[in-house]
Amino acid sequence: MSNLTFSERIHIPRYDDTAEIEYGIVTFDEEKCSGCGICVKACPADTLELMDKKSKMKTPNECMACSVCTAICPDDAITMHKNYRHSGYFKMIGFGELTMPRM
């Protein structure tokens, strides 16, 4: 940090600043969802919840787009639509298409 100028330091994104972060987005097919809750238990960001025996994203959304919920869902009811990204100072590299994690 000592090598950064003052201008560069104030542009480093904070993890709690919603202006600097774009969270991931997943959608649920309610017709396919059986309400088993496996995705809720598996989510490392604790972003999912069961409401009326169906999975939903909590508000505020803090999805880190890991795709664990998509991979673990036995009903194929979850689809990842948007990656987690930082804006501002950091350059995100290596983002390709959204894919399932390796099993």
C-alpha atoms as a PDB file:
ATOM      1  CA  MET A   1       0.000   0.000   0.000  1.00  0.00           C
ATOM      2  CA  SER A   2       2.892   2.362   0.623  1.00  0.00           C
ATOM      3  CA  ASN A   3       3.671   2.439  -3.110  1.00  0.00           C
ATOM      4  CA  LEU A   4       0.204   3.774  -3.949  1.00  0.00           C
ATOM      5  CA  THR A   5      -0.541   7.464  -4.271  1.00  0.00           C
ATOM      6  CA  PHE A   6      -3.381   9.049  -2.319  1.00  0.00           C
ATOM      7  CA  SER A   7      -5.474   9.167  -5.493  1.00  0.00           C
ATOM      8  CA  GLU A   8      -4.955   5.438  -6.064  1.00  0.00           C
ATOM      9  CA  ARG A   9      -5.795   4.581  -2.430  1.00  0.00           C
ATOM     10  CA  ILE A  10      -9.177   6.272  -2.537  1.00  0.00           C
ATOM     11  CA  HIS A  11     -10.095   4.328  -5.675  1.00  0.00           C
ATOM     12  CA  ILE A  12      -9.511   0.865  -4.189  1.00  0.00           C
ATOM     13  CA  PRO A  13     -12.965  -0.732  -3.907  1.00  0.00           C
ATOM     14  CA  ARG A  14     -14.398  -1.566  -0.513  1.00  0.00           C
ATOM     15  CA  TYR A  15     -16.271  -4.820  -0.195  1.00  0.00           C
ATOM     16  CA  ASP A  16     -19.236  -3.140   1.488  1.00  0.00           C
ATOM     17  CA  ASP A  17     -19.569  -0.332  -1.092  1.00  0.00           C
ATOM     18  CA  THR A  18     -22.397  -1.279  -3.461  1.00  0.00           C
ATOM     19  CA  ALA A  19     -21.239   1.342  -5.982  1.00  0.00           C
ATOM     20  CA  GLU A  20     -17.988  -0.628  -6.456  1.00  0.00           C
ATOM     21  CA  ILE A  21     -19.451  -4.154  -6.614  1.00  0.00           C
ATOM     22  CA  GLU A  22     -21.847  -5.868  -8.980  1.00  0.00           C
ATOM     23  CA  TYR A  23     -23.143  -9.047  -7.344  1.00  0.00           C
ATOM     24  CA  GLY A  24     -24.059 -12.219  -9.195  1.00  0.00           C
ATOM     25  CA  ILE A  25     -27.627 -13.046 -10.100  1.00  0.00           C
ATOM     26  CA  VAL A  26     -29.307 -16.454 -10.139  1.00  0.00           C
ATOM     27  CA  THR A  27     -32.894 -17.231 -11.043  1.00  0.00           C
ATOM     28  CA  PHE A  28     -35.099 -20.078  -9.923  1.00  0.00           C
ATOM     29  CA  ASP A  29     -37.623 -22.028 -11.991  1.00  0.00           C
ATOM     30  CA  GLU A  30     -40.415 -22.329  -9.449  1.00  0.00           C
ATOM     31  CA  GLU A  31     -42.093 -25.140 -11.361  1.00  0.00           C
ATOM     32  CA  LYS A  32     -38.950 -27.303 -11.187  1.00  0.00           C
ATOM     33  CA  CYS A  33     -37.947 -26.373  -7.615  1.00  0.00           C
ATOM     34  CA  SER A  34     -38.959 -29.066  -5.123  1.00  0.00           C
ATOM     35  CA  GLY A  35     -38.020 -26.946  -2.089  1.00  0.00           C
ATOM     36  CA  CYS A  36     -35.406 -29.432  -0.855  1.00  0.00           C
ATOM     37  CA  GLY A  37     -33.153 -26.613   0.471  1.00  0.00           C
ATOM     38  CA  ILE A  38     -29.854 -28.166  -0.616  1.00  0.00           C
ATOM     39  CA  CYS A  39     -28.886 -24.962  -2.445  1.00  0.00           C
ATOM     40  CA  VAL A  40     -29.564 -22.887   0.680  1.00  0.00           C
ATOM     41  CA  LYS A  41     -27.275 -25.109   2.780  1.00  0.00           C
ATOM     42  CA  ALA A  42     -24.551 -25.187   0.105  1.00  0.00           C
ATOM     43  CA  CYS A  43     -24.389 -21.433  -0.602  1.00  0.00           C
ATOM     44  CA  PRO A  44     -21.049 -20.154   0.807  1.00  0.00           C
ATOM     45  CA  ALA A  45     -22.240 -16.522   0.671  1.00  0.00           C
ATOM     46  CA  ASP A  46     -25.467 -17.320   2.590  1.00  0.00           C
ATOM     47  CA  THR A  47     -27.460 -15.535  -0.112  1.00  0.00           C
ATOM     48  CA  LEU A  48     -30.310 -18.008  -0.544  1.00  0.00           C
ATOM     49  CA  GLU A  49     -33.331 -18.718   1.635  1.00  0.00           C
ATOM     50  CA  LEU A  50     -36.435 -20.895   1.579  1.00  0.00           C
ATOM     51  CA  MET A  51     -39.723 -19.007   1.380  1.00  0.00           C
ATOM     52  CA  ASP A  52     -42.999 -20.858   0.957  1.00  0.00           C
ATOM     53  CA  LYS A  53     -41.020 -24.066   0.313  1.00  0.00           C
ATOM     54  CA  LYS A  54     -39.203 -22.498  -2.667  1.00  0.00           C
ATOM     55  CA  SER A  55     -35.654 -21.140  -2.938  1.00  0.00           C
ATOM     56  CA  LYS A  56     -35.216 -17.381  -3.319  1.00  0.00           C
ATOM     57  CA  MET A  57     -32.361 -14.869  -3.182  1.00  0.00           C
ATOM     58  CA  LYS A  58     -32.158 -12.829   0.018  1.00  0.00           C
ATOM     59  CA  THR A  59     -32.317  -9.053  -0.065  1.00  0.00           C
ATOM     60  CA  PRO A  60     -29.797  -7.500  -0.201  1.00  0.00           C
ATOM     61  CA  ASN A  61     -28.238  -9.783  -2.764  1.00  0.00           C
ATOM     62  CA  GLU A  62     -24.599 -10.642  -1.998  1.00  0.00           C
ATOM     63  CA  CYS A  63     -24.160 -13.512  -4.473  1.00  0.00           C
ATOM     64  CA  MET A  64     -20.531 -14.193  -5.351  1.00  0.00           C
ATOM     65  CA  ALA A  65     -21.506 -16.190  -8.474  1.00  0.00           C
ATOM     66  CA  CYS A  66     -19.710 -19.389  -7.479  1.00  0.00           C
ATOM     67  CA  SER A  67     -22.396 -21.546  -9.206  1.00  0.00           C
ATOM     68  CA  VAL A  68     -22.416 -24.092  -6.369  1.00  0.00           C
ATOM     69  CA  CYS A  69     -26.207 -23.816  -6.120  1.00  0.00           C
ATOM     70  CA  THR A  70     -26.534 -24.414  -9.859  1.00  0.00           C
ATOM     71  CA  ALA A  71     -24.327 -27.495  -9.719  1.00  0.00           C
ATOM     72  CA  ILE A  72     -25.883 -29.052  -6.611  1.00  0.00           C
ATOM     73  CA  CYS A  73     -29.576 -28.557  -7.488  1.00  0.00           C
ATOM     74  CA  PRO A  74     -31.071 -32.006  -8.168  1.00  0.00           C
ATOM     75  CA  ASP A  75     -33.991 -30.462 -10.074  1.00  0.00           C
ATOM     76  CA  ASP A  76     -31.960 -28.196 -12.429  1.00  0.00           C
ATOM     77  CA  ALA A  77     -34.101 -25.314 -11.215  1.00  0.00           C
ATOM     78  CA  ILE A  78     -31.309 -22.741 -10.786  1.00  0.00           C
ATOM     79  CA  THR A  79     -29.666 -20.711 -13.554  1.00  0.00           C
ATOM     80  CA  MET A  80     -26.731 -18.303 -13.154  1.00  0.00           C
ATOM     81  CA  HIS A  81     -27.264 -15.070 -15.109  1.00  0.00           C
ATOM     82  CA  LYS A  82     -24.571 -12.633 -14.037  1.00  0.00           C
ATOM     83  CA  ASN A  83     -21.033 -12.833 -12.637  1.00  0.00           C
ATOM     84  CA  TYR A  84     -19.732 -11.054  -9.540  1.00  0.00           C
ATOM     85  CA  ARG A  85     -17.554  -8.100 -10.615  1.00  0.00           C
ATOM     86  CA  HIS A  86     -15.595  -5.214  -9.152  1.00  0.00           C
ATOM     87  CA  SER A  87     -15.699  -1.867 -10.878  1.00  0.00           C
ATOM     88  CA  GLY A  88     -13.295   1.015 -10.502  1.00  0.00           C
ATOM     89  CA  TYR A  89      -9.690   0.336  -9.579  1.00  0.00           C
ATOM     90  CA  PHE A  90      -9.382  -3.413 -10.133  1.00  0.00           C
ATOM     91  CA  LYS A  91      -9.420  -4.957 -13.581  1.00  0.00           C
ATOM     92  CA  MET A  92     -11.255  -8.259 -13.725  1.00  0.00           C
ATOM     93  CA  ILE A  93      -9.449 -10.750 -15.941  1.00  0.00           C
ATOM     94  CA  GLY A  94     -10.221 -14.291 -16.924  1.00  0.00           C
ATOM     95  CA  PHE A  95     -14.005 -13.973 -17.094  1.00  0.00           C
ATOM     96  CA  GLY A  96     -15.509 -16.090 -19.811  1.00  0.00           C
ATOM     97  CA  GLU A  97     -18.923 -17.604 -20.175  1.00  0.00           C
ATOM     98  CA  LEU A  98     -20.786 -18.656 -17.050  1.00  0.00           C
ATOM     99  CA  THR A  99     -20.151 -22.380 -16.588  1.00  0.00           C
ATOM    100  CA  MET A 100     -20.868 -25.007 -14.006  1.00  0.00           C
ATOM    101  CA  PRO A 101     -18.071 -25.788 -11.535  1.00  0.00           C
ATOM    102  CA  ARG A 102     -16.166 -29.017 -12.007  1.00  0.00           C
ATOM    103  CA  MET A 103     -17.534 -31.912  -9.990  1.00  0.00           C
END
